[in-house]
Amino acid sequence: MTNDSTLVTENKGLFSPISQLFFEFYDDGDALLEQLKGNSDVQCIVGKQGLSFGEAQQPGLFAYADGVDTMQFLLSF
């Protein structure tokens, strides 16, 4: 499927090339959630059972990127 600018492809990959959008079908939402939580490449999950929409790019004060306390890292120099 295409819309002249984006190619939409059924693919289980997490990362799609530029101008492509991957999707997949699933039957069990809970199993999908556990699969995503167990994948270290997934930084956060947005939706009813995760972060609210709009919060993914507004981390809290103690939500460290990749688990690294940036201030503690900088103070170690």
C-alpha atoms as a PDB file:
ATOM      1  CA  MET A   1       0.000   0.000   0.000  1.00  0.00           C
ATOM      2  CA  THR A   2       1.264   3.483  -0.752  1.00  0.00           C
ATOM      3  CA  ASN A   3       0.009   7.071  -0.735  1.00  0.00           C
ATOM      4  CA  ASP A   4       2.699   8.482  -3.072  1.00  0.00           C
ATOM      5  CA  SER A   5       4.930   9.495  -0.151  1.00  0.00           C
ATOM      6  CA  THR A   6       4.789   6.664   2.403  1.00  0.00           C
ATOM      7  CA  LEU A   7       4.987   2.940   1.809  1.00  0.00           C
ATOM      8  CA  VAL A   8       2.858   1.045   4.364  1.00  0.00           C
ATOM      9  CA  THR A   9       4.057  -2.545   4.773  1.00  0.00           C
ATOM     10  CA  GLU A  10       3.059  -5.416   7.048  1.00  0.00           C
ATOM     11  CA  ASN A  11       6.327  -6.140   8.868  1.00  0.00           C
ATOM     12  CA  LYS A  12       7.159  -7.123  12.475  1.00  0.00           C
ATOM     13  CA  GLY A  13      10.306  -4.977  12.523  1.00  0.00           C
ATOM     14  CA  LEU A  14      10.554  -2.176  15.086  1.00  0.00           C
ATOM     15  CA  PHE A  15      12.471   0.224  12.877  1.00  0.00           C
ATOM     16  CA  SER A  16      11.346   1.063   9.365  1.00  0.00           C
ATOM     17  CA  PRO A  17      13.378   2.867   6.695  1.00  0.00           C
ATOM     18  CA  ILE A  18      12.623   6.498   5.832  1.00  0.00           C
ATOM     19  CA  SER A  19       9.282   6.897   4.041  1.00  0.00           C
ATOM     20  CA  GLN A  20       8.060   3.477   5.209  1.00  0.00           C
ATOM     21  CA  LEU A  21       5.610   2.621   7.970  1.00  0.00           C
ATOM     22  CA  PHE A  22       5.561  -0.908   9.371  1.00  0.00           C
ATOM     23  CA  PHE A  23       2.453  -2.458  10.923  1.00  0.00           C
ATOM     24  CA  GLU A  24       1.392  -5.873  12.143  1.00  0.00           C
ATOM     25  CA  PHE A  25      -1.811  -7.547  13.291  1.00  0.00           C
ATOM     26  CA  TYR A  26      -2.133  -9.119  16.739  1.00  0.00           C
ATOM     27  CA  ASP A  27      -4.826 -11.073  18.589  1.00  0.00           C
ATOM     28  CA  ASP A  28      -3.757 -10.709  22.236  1.00  0.00           C
ATOM     29  CA  GLY A  29      -3.059  -7.176  23.471  1.00  0.00           C
ATOM     30  CA  ASP A  30      -1.607  -8.369  26.782  1.00  0.00           C
ATOM     31  CA  ALA A  31       0.866 -10.669  25.020  1.00  0.00           C
ATOM     32  CA  LEU A  32       1.892  -7.795  22.747  1.00  0.00           C
ATOM     33  CA  LEU A  33       2.426  -5.514  25.753  1.00  0.00           C
ATOM     34  CA  GLU A  34       4.644  -8.102  27.463  1.00  0.00           C
ATOM     35  CA  GLN A  35       6.609  -8.596  24.243  1.00  0.00           C
ATOM     36  CA  LEU A  36       7.218  -4.843  23.967  1.00  0.00           C
ATOM     37  CA  LYS A  37       8.147  -4.490  27.655  1.00  0.00           C
ATOM     38  CA  GLY A  38      10.698  -7.290  27.251  1.00  0.00           C
ATOM     39  CA  ASN A  39      12.419  -5.594  24.314  1.00  0.00           C
ATOM     40  CA  SER A  40      15.323  -3.357  25.380  1.00  0.00           C
ATOM     41  CA  ASP A  41      15.050  -1.384  22.108  1.00  0.00           C
ATOM     42  CA  VAL A  42      11.624  -0.045  23.136  1.00  0.00           C
ATOM     43  CA  GLN A  43      12.113   3.100  25.254  1.00  0.00           C
ATOM     44  CA  CYS A  44       8.486   3.685  26.202  1.00  0.00           C
ATOM     45  CA  ILE A  45       4.958   2.542  25.417  1.00  0.00           C
ATOM     46  CA  VAL A  46       2.270   5.139  24.717  1.00  0.00           C
ATOM     47  CA  GLY A  47      -1.398   4.250  25.112  1.00  0.00           C
ATOM     48  CA  LYS A  48      -3.991   3.146  27.652  1.00  0.00           C
ATOM     49  CA  GLN A  49      -1.548   0.811  29.437  1.00  0.00           C
ATOM     50  CA  GLY A  50       1.485   3.102  29.176  1.00  0.00           C
ATOM     51  CA  LEU A  51       2.295   6.794  29.013  1.00  0.00           C
ATOM     52  CA  SER A  52      -0.459   9.184  28.006  1.00  0.00           C
ATOM     53  CA  PHE A  53      -0.299  10.577  24.488  1.00  0.00           C
ATOM     54  CA  GLY A  54       1.988  13.633  24.478  1.00  0.00           C
ATOM     55  CA  GLU A  55       4.056  12.514  27.494  1.00  0.00           C
ATOM     56  CA  ALA A  56       6.669  10.445  25.651  1.00  0.00           C
ATOM     57  CA  GLN A  57       8.803  13.476  24.813  1.00  0.00           C
ATOM     58  CA  GLN A  58       8.279  15.186  28.183  1.00  0.00           C
ATOM     59  CA  PRO A  59      10.094  12.960  30.677  1.00  0.00           C
ATOM     60  CA  GLY A  60       9.849  13.571  34.399  1.00  0.00           C
ATOM     61  CA  LEU A  61      12.677  14.915  36.526  1.00  0.00           C
ATOM     62  CA  PHE A  62      13.944  11.454  37.455  1.00  0.00           C
ATOM     63  CA  ALA A  63      13.247   9.722  34.114  1.00  0.00           C
ATOM     64  CA  TYR A  64      16.815   9.367  32.890  1.00  0.00           C
ATOM     65  CA  ALA A  65      17.543   8.805  29.200  1.00  0.00           C
ATOM     66  CA  ASP A  66      18.787   5.236  28.756  1.00  0.00           C
ATOM     67  CA  GLY A  67      18.867   4.896  32.556  1.00  0.00           C
ATOM     68  CA  VAL A  68      21.798   7.334  32.889  1.00  0.00           C
ATOM     69  CA  ASP A  69      21.624  10.093  35.510  1.00  0.00           C
ATOM     70  CA  THR A  70      23.099  12.897  33.390  1.00  0.00           C
ATOM     71  CA  MET A  71      23.902  15.209  36.317  1.00  0.00           C
ATOM     72  CA  GLN A  72      25.654  12.417  38.231  1.00  0.00           C
ATOM     73  CA  PHE A  73      27.614  11.585  35.083  1.00  0.00           C
ATOM     74  CA  LEU A  74      28.688  15.219  34.615  1.00  0.00           C
ATOM     75  CA  LEU A  75      29.620  15.592  38.289  1.00  0.00           C
ATOM     76  CA  SER A  76      31.946  12.601  37.996  1.00  0.00           C
ATOM     77  CA  PHE A  77      34.397  14.653  35.902  1.00  0.00           C
END
